[in-house]
Amino acid sequence: MTTPSQTASSRIVPIRSLGPGHRARIASHLLSLDEHDRYLRFGYAANDEQIQRYVDGLRFERDEIFGIFNRGLELLAMAHLAFLPHEPGAPPGAEFGVSVLKKARGRGYGARLFDRAVVHARNEGVELMFIHALSENTAMLKIARNAGATLEREGSETEAYLRLPPATLDSRVSELVDEQVAQADYRLKKQAKTFLAFLASLQEIRRGATEARNKSGR
């Protein structure tokens, strides 16, 4: 018998790459995090100004940002895959960070974003994926542990690293298909939101016209 959790985990979750045009949505998402969630995400209780500086400093041409949207195009969860500067003799690496709004938790979005980031990192030649998290961030560390990462704790912080296999034809095709599905999903949600906004404005116009007629008929 299939349990609700198994059904949720097997459900397709469109995850799309984000670009400079999504800065406002990224900022809105991060600014919606409460003080504790900001502390877990950034390692300190970032204020609004610090978050805005982080968003303004995102380098989309270098790093990869992924997001999960709801029907209203609200960014429910996002991940930042930051490619580390390559040092001679060191394997190519990238660092992963993720945040999920409280109302969207319990759906496995963090793990889904991690899997998506791993595939992209592999296809970009990354050999080591790093997660630098506070030791109390059990959700993030659970994702890393379930992926087979090695965890090293030092005081209040934990460093996790996962060695990635080389890219394959399957990993490249999988990423291409996932991105196309996510792009199509985003377009449909955008069209639906635009159509609903049009209907709302039309209803407002009709309501105004009805009230005007009623007033003139008095």
Foldseek 3Di string as FASTA:
>chain_A
DDDPLNVLVPDDFQKAWDDPVCLVLQLVQLQLDDQVLCCFQVVHRDDSVRSNVVSVPDDVVQWIKMFTADLLRRTFKMKTWHWDDDDPPDFTETEITMGGDPVPPPSCPVLVNVVLSLLVCQAVRGFKYKYKGFPVPVVVVVSLVVVVWDWDDDPRIIMTMDTHDHHDPVSVVVNVVSNVVNVVVVVVSVVVNVVVVVVVVVVVVVVVVVVVVVVVVD
